[in-house]
């Protein structure tokens, strides 16, 4: 009943920038924590960044200083601004949201992912 749709992925050269967006829709009472995860070919999925409903953020050490997570609660949208991209950032990026329904049932929802490729 809740869907997350990512957008903004693409192919960029090392040092370039991308801005990912993820919009949540459906029967939503509130959204608590939101985050971005990524999975490179042949690798396990890893956490990239999270943001609480109050705006507190957390980043993986590998992206600190380069990536910025933000959210627009009115639009139920989370963003990931990625600067200084490196080849090792290449992965499928997934957004996640902890959602509470009107019946106060809380669950985790995932998007389908957007490809980010950093290559010369």
C-alpha atoms as a PDB file:
ATOM      1  CA  UNK A   1       0.000   0.000   0.000  1.00  0.00           C
ATOM      2  CA  UNK A   2       3.047   2.249   0.320  1.00  0.00           C
ATOM      3  CA  UNK A   3       5.402   2.762  -2.585  1.00  0.00           C
ATOM      4  CA  UNK A   4       8.782   4.445  -2.837  1.00  0.00           C
ATOM      5  CA  UNK A   5      10.019   5.620  -6.224  1.00  0.00           C
ATOM      6  CA  UNK A   6      13.650   6.621  -6.742  1.00  0.00           C
ATOM      7  CA  UNK A   7      14.910   8.875  -9.498  1.00  0.00           C
ATOM      8  CA  UNK A   8      18.023  10.786 -10.479  1.00  0.00           C
ATOM      9  CA  UNK A   9      20.491   8.011 -11.164  1.00  0.00           C
ATOM     10  CA  UNK A  10      22.726   7.976 -14.194  1.00  0.00           C
ATOM     11  CA  UNK A  11      26.239   7.841 -15.592  1.00  0.00           C
ATOM     12  CA  UNK A  12      28.757  10.483 -14.536  1.00  0.00           C
ATOM     13  CA  UNK A  13      32.519  10.895 -14.613  1.00  0.00           C
ATOM     14  CA  UNK A  14      34.656  10.749 -11.468  1.00  0.00           C
ATOM     15  CA  UNK A  15      34.363  13.982  -9.530  1.00  0.00           C
ATOM     16  CA  UNK A  16      30.880  14.644 -10.824  1.00  0.00           C
ATOM     17  CA  UNK A  17      27.626  15.062  -8.936  1.00  0.00           C
ATOM     18  CA  UNK A  18      24.176  13.517  -8.856  1.00  0.00           C
ATOM     19  CA  UNK A  19      21.045  14.224  -6.857  1.00  0.00           C
ATOM     20  CA  UNK A  20      18.802  11.284  -6.046  1.00  0.00           C
ATOM     21  CA  UNK A  21      15.176  11.655  -5.037  1.00  0.00           C
ATOM     22  CA  UNK A  22      12.760   9.209  -3.468  1.00  0.00           C
ATOM     23  CA  UNK A  23       9.072   9.967  -3.088  1.00  0.00           C
ATOM     24  CA  UNK A  24       6.781   7.931  -0.861  1.00  0.00           C
ATOM     25  CA  UNK A  25       3.106   7.574  -1.644  1.00  0.00           C
ATOM     26  CA  UNK A  26       0.123   5.613  -0.384  1.00  0.00           C
ATOM     27  CA  UNK A  27      -1.756   5.337   2.868  1.00  0.00           C
ATOM     28  CA  UNK A  28       0.709   7.023   5.181  1.00  0.00           C
ATOM     29  CA  UNK A  29       0.070   8.458   8.600  1.00  0.00           C
ATOM     30  CA  UNK A  30       3.661   9.392   9.208  1.00  0.00           C
ATOM     31  CA  UNK A  31       7.176   8.574   8.090  1.00  0.00           C
ATOM     32  CA  UNK A  32       9.829   8.095  10.694  1.00  0.00           C
ATOM     33  CA  UNK A  33      13.409   7.375   9.661  1.00  0.00           C
ATOM     34  CA  UNK A  34      14.347   7.457   5.985  1.00  0.00           C
ATOM     35  CA  UNK A  35      17.561   6.351   4.380  1.00  0.00           C
ATOM     36  CA  UNK A  36      19.601   5.431   1.365  1.00  0.00           C
ATOM     37  CA  UNK A  37      21.336   2.119   0.796  1.00  0.00           C
ATOM     38  CA  UNK A  38      23.414   0.849  -2.095  1.00  0.00           C
ATOM     39  CA  UNK A  39      24.463  -2.462  -3.550  1.00  0.00           C
ATOM     40  CA  UNK A  40      27.354  -2.902  -5.953  1.00  0.00           C
ATOM     41  CA  UNK A  41      27.582  -5.937  -8.270  1.00  0.00           C
ATOM     42  CA  UNK A  42      28.632  -8.994  -6.297  1.00  0.00           C
ATOM     43  CA  UNK A  43      28.585  -7.079  -3.017  1.00  0.00           C
ATOM     44  CA  UNK A  44      26.272  -6.895  -0.032  1.00  0.00           C
ATOM     45  CA  UNK A  45      23.874  -4.008   0.376  1.00  0.00           C
ATOM     46  CA  UNK A  46      25.254  -1.308   2.638  1.00  0.00           C
ATOM     47  CA  UNK A  47      23.858   1.697   4.420  1.00  0.00           C
ATOM     48  CA  UNK A  48      24.785   5.040   2.891  1.00  0.00           C
ATOM     49  CA  UNK A  49      22.913   7.608   4.970  1.00  0.00           C
ATOM     50  CA  UNK A  50      19.881   7.956   7.217  1.00  0.00           C
ATOM     51  CA  UNK A  51      17.787  10.854   8.419  1.00  0.00           C
ATOM     52  CA  UNK A  52      15.250  10.933  11.231  1.00  0.00           C
ATOM     53  CA  UNK A  53      11.914  12.705  11.162  1.00  0.00           C
ATOM     54  CA  UNK A  54      13.561  15.460  13.179  1.00  0.00           C
ATOM     55  CA  UNK A  55      16.385  15.890  10.691  1.00  0.00           C
ATOM     56  CA  UNK A  56      19.236  14.128  12.462  1.00  0.00           C
ATOM     57  CA  UNK A  57      21.568  12.479   9.976  1.00  0.00           C
ATOM     58  CA  UNK A  58      24.019   9.609   9.915  1.00  0.00           C
ATOM     59  CA  UNK A  59      26.484   8.691   7.170  1.00  0.00           C
ATOM     60  CA  UNK A  60      28.690   5.811   6.250  1.00  0.00           C
ATOM     61  CA  UNK A  61      32.346   6.707   6.708  1.00  0.00           C
ATOM     62  CA  UNK A  62      32.964   6.199   2.999  1.00  0.00           C
ATOM     63  CA  UNK A  63      30.626   9.043   2.007  1.00  0.00           C
ATOM     64  CA  UNK A  64      31.079  11.550   4.828  1.00  0.00           C
ATOM     65  CA  UNK A  65      31.917  14.981   3.500  1.00  0.00           C
ATOM     66  CA  UNK A  66      30.737  14.104   0.003  1.00  0.00           C
ATOM     67  CA  UNK A  67      27.080  13.081   0.337  1.00  0.00           C
ATOM     68  CA  UNK A  68      24.231  14.968   1.972  1.00  0.00           C
ATOM     69  CA  UNK A  69      20.872  13.462   2.887  1.00  0.00           C
ATOM     70  CA  UNK A  70      17.825  15.676   3.333  1.00  0.00           C
ATOM     71  CA  UNK A  71      14.060  15.369   3.376  1.00  0.00           C
ATOM     72  CA  UNK A  72      10.925  17.316   2.612  1.00  0.00           C
ATOM     73  CA  UNK A  73       8.263  16.042   4.978  1.00  0.00           C
ATOM     74  CA  UNK A  74       5.466  17.886   3.188  1.00  0.00           C
ATOM     75  CA  UNK A  75       6.309  15.950   0.023  1.00  0.00           C
ATOM     76  CA  UNK A  76       7.198  12.661   1.732  1.00  0.00           C
ATOM     77  CA  UNK A  77      10.464  12.809  -0.150  1.00  0.00           C
ATOM     78  CA  UNK A  78      14.070  12.093   0.757  1.00  0.00           C
ATOM     79  CA  UNK A  79      17.059  13.293  -1.243  1.00  0.00           C
ATOM     80  CA  UNK A  80      20.688  12.332  -1.556  1.00  0.00           C
ATOM     81  CA  UNK A  81      23.069  14.925  -2.949  1.00  0.00           C
ATOM     82  CA  UNK A  82      26.232  13.172  -4.092  1.00  0.00           C
ATOM     83  CA  UNK A  83      29.329  15.236  -4.818  1.00  0.00           C
ATOM     84  CA  UNK A  84      32.877  14.234  -5.607  1.00  0.00           C
ATOM     85  CA  UNK A  85      31.723  10.886  -6.931  1.00  0.00           C
ATOM     86  CA  UNK A  86      34.235   8.061  -7.165  1.00  0.00           C
ATOM     87  CA  UNK A  87      34.212   4.831  -9.177  1.00  0.00           C
ATOM     88  CA  UNK A  88      33.654   2.906  -5.950  1.00  0.00           C
ATOM     89  CA  UNK A  89      30.329   4.715  -5.543  1.00  0.00           C
ATOM     90  CA  UNK A  90      28.966   2.742  -8.499  1.00  0.00           C
ATOM     91  CA  UNK A  91      25.954   0.762  -7.303  1.00  0.00           C
ATOM     92  CA  UNK A  92      22.204   0.493  -7.346  1.00  0.00           C
ATOM     93  CA  UNK A  93      20.888   2.947  -4.787  1.00  0.00           C
ATOM     94  CA  UNK A  94      17.754   2.110  -2.815  1.00  0.00           C
ATOM     95  CA  UNK A  95      15.695   4.335  -0.584  1.00  0.00           C
ATOM     96  CA  UNK A  96      14.017   3.127   2.570  1.00  0.00           C
ATOM     97  CA  UNK A  97      11.361   4.540   4.849  1.00  0.00           C
ATOM     98  CA  UNK A  98       9.909   3.450   8.161  1.00  0.00           C
ATOM     99  CA  UNK A  99       6.205   4.117   7.680  1.00  0.00           C
ATOM    100  CA  UNK A 100       3.318   4.230  10.129  1.00  0.00           C
ATOM    101  CA  UNK A 101      -0.160   3.581   8.746  1.00  0.00           C
ATOM    102  CA  UNK A 102      -3.356   5.163  10.014  1.00  0.00           C
ATOM    103  CA  UNK A 103      -3.875   2.013  12.071  1.00  0.00           C
ATOM    104  CA  UNK A 104      -0.520   2.702  13.725  1.00  0.00           C
ATOM    105  CA  UNK A 105       1.125  -0.281  12.106  1.00  0.00           C
ATOM    106  CA  UNK A 106       4.773   0.446  11.426  1.00  0.00           C
ATOM    107  CA  UNK A 107       6.716  -1.220   8.642  1.00  0.00           C
ATOM    108  CA  UNK A 108       9.738  -0.712   6.458  1.00  0.00           C
ATOM    109  CA  UNK A 109       9.210   0.127   2.774  1.00  0.00           C
ATOM    110  CA  UNK A 110      11.784  -0.074  -0.019  1.00  0.00           C
ATOM    111  CA  UNK A 111      12.089   1.418  -3.474  1.00  0.00           C
ATOM    112  CA  UNK A 112      13.090  -0.506  -6.583  1.00  0.00           C
ATOM    113  CA  UNK A 113      16.440   1.210  -6.888  1.00  0.00           C
ATOM    114  CA  UNK A 114      18.188   3.558  -9.283  1.00  0.00           C
ATOM    115  CA  UNK A 115      21.507   2.850 -10.993  1.00  0.00           C
ATOM    116  CA  UNK A 116      24.447   5.142 -10.320  1.00  0.00           C
ATOM    117  CA  UNK A 117      27.532   4.553 -12.447  1.00  0.00           C
ATOM    118  CA  UNK A 118      30.786   6.470 -12.067  1.00  0.00           C
ATOM    119  CA  UNK A 119      33.153   5.870 -14.945  1.00  0.00           C
ATOM    120  CA  UNK A 120      35.558   7.645 -17.264  1.00  0.00           C
END
